[in-house]
Protein backbone atom coordinates (compact mmCIF):
# COMPACT_ATOMS: atom_id res chain seq x y z
CA UNK A 1 11.72 0.84 -2.68
CA UNK A 2 10.20 3.41 -4.60
CA UNK A 3 6.97 4.55 -2.64
CA UNK A 4 4.98 7.21 -3.46
CA UNK A 5 2.87 8.37 -1.66
CA UNK A 6 -0.59 11.07 -3.02
CA UNK A 7 -2.81 11.88 -0.21
CA UNK A 8 -4.56 15.40 -1.43
CA UNK A 9 -5.45 17.49 1.57
CA UNK A 10 -4.04 15.19 4.12
CA UNK A 11 -3.87 17.82 7.22
CA UNK A 12 -0.61 15.98 8.08
CA UNK A 13 1.82 15.28 5.47
CA UNK A 14 4.77 14.62 6.73
CA UNK A 15 4.17 11.79 9.50
CA UNK A 16 1.92 10.37 7.53
CA UNK A 17 4.63 10.19 4.24
CA UNK A 18 6.73 9.09 7.04
CA UNK A 19 4.39 6.76 9.07
CA UNK A 20 3.80 4.71 5.47
CA UNK A 21 6.57 4.76 4.27
CA UNK A 22 8.51 2.81 7.45
CA UNK A 23 4.54 0.65 7.99
CA UNK A 24 5.24 -0.43 3.56
CA UNK A 25 8.97 -0.48 4.18
CA UNK A 26 9.12 -3.53 6.80
CA UNK A 27 6.50 -5.09 5.03
CA UNK A 28 7.60 -5.50 1.32
CA UNK A 29 11.19 -4.75 1.47
CA UNK A 30 11.73 -8.31 1.81
CA UNK A 31 10.73 -9.10 -1.25
CA UNK A 32 12.98 -8.73 -3.87
CA UNK A 33 10.94 -7.99 -6.49
CA UNK A 34 8.88 -5.43 -5.16
CA UNK A 35 10.82 -1.72 -6.50
CA UNK A 36 7.90 0.77 -6.68
CA UNK A 37 5.00 0.90 -4.45
CA UNK A 38 2.25 3.94 -5.18
CA UNK A 39 0.41 4.87 -2.06
CA UNK A 40 -3.28 6.60 -2.44
CA UNK A 41 -5.45 7.65 1.14
CA UNK A 42 -8.54 9.53 0.50
CA UNK A 43 -10.57 11.45 3.87
CA UNK A 44 -14.08 10.15 2.26
CA UNK A 45 -15.54 12.48 5.20
CA UNK A 46 -18.27 10.72 6.52
CA UNK A 47 -17.27 7.46 5.35
CA UNK A 48 -14.05 7.90 6.79
CA UNK A 49 -11.23 6.93 4.36
CA UNK A 50 -9.96 4.73 1.84
CA UNK A 51 -6.79 3.65 0.91
CA UNK A 52 -5.55 2.12 -2.10
CA UNK A 53 -2.06 0.46 -2.75
CA UNK A 54 -0.28 -0.45 -6.75
CA UNK A 55 2.71 -2.57 -6.59
CA UNK A 56 4.49 -2.67 -9.74
CA UNK A 57 7.08 -5.50 -9.36
CA UNK A 58 9.91 -6.46 -11.62
CA UNK A 59 8.25 -8.39 -13.49
CA UNK A 60 4.71 -9.23 -14.66
CA UNK A 61 1.25 -6.83 -14.17
CA UNK A 62 0.80 -4.95 -10.87
CA UNK A 63 -1.04 -5.57 -7.59
CA UNK A 64 -3.38 -4.21 -6.78
CA UNK A 65 -5.64 -3.66 -3.18
CA UNK A 66 -8.11 -1.34 -1.39
CA UNK A 67 -10.19 -0.84 1.33
CA UNK A 68 -12.27 1.49 3.68
CA UNK A 69 -12.78 2.28 6.35
CA UNK A 70 -14.05 4.88 9.37
CA UNK A 71 -10.13 4.46 10.54
CA UNK A 72 -6.94 5.62 8.10
CA UNK A 73 -5.27 3.20 10.16
CA UNK A 74 -7.47 0.90 9.51
CA UNK A 75 -8.03 0.84 5.90
CA UNK A 76 -4.15 0.36 5.63
CA UNK A 77 -4.05 -2.64 7.36
CA UNK A 78 -6.68 -4.02 5.94
CA UNK A 79 -5.36 -3.08 2.50
CA UNK A 80 -2.13 -5.21 3.47
CA UNK A 81 -4.20 -7.97 4.32
CA UNK A 82 -5.54 -7.90 1.21
CA UNK A 83 -2.04 -6.72 -1.55
CA UNK A 84 -0.42 -9.84 0.54
CA UNK A 85 -2.66 -12.42 -0.41
CA UNK A 86 -1.57 -11.64 -4.08
CA UNK A 87 1.71 -10.84 -3.47
CA UNK A 88 2.50 -14.20 -1.93
CA UNK A 89 0.15 -15.89 -4.99
CA UNK A 90 3.19 -14.09 -7.21
CA UNK A 91 6.07 -15.55 -5.34
CA UNK A 92 5.20 -18.42 -5.44
CA UNK A 93 4.13 -18.48 -9.93
CA UNK A 94 7.77 -16.19 -10.55
CA UNK A 95 10.42 -16.96 -7.88
CA UNK A 96 9.74 -20.80 -6.95
């Protein structure tokens, strides 16, 4: 899976990319249609973090989820949960 991560002004780019690639690959590599994912991480200051995931399946429309939370990791996990339900619906519609 091709994962593109955009985290403008994030203090630790290398560890961030390594963590996100590991987490997302382990979660979504089991889906053969998951080919390209875009990740956007924004630091909102006192409001916390906003993480958005956009998955472009092999065929069909782009799947998108976004979450805000005080903790970056919590925002990522909430976004993964939101995207997971969309992926399961897509899998049932196109691969059952």
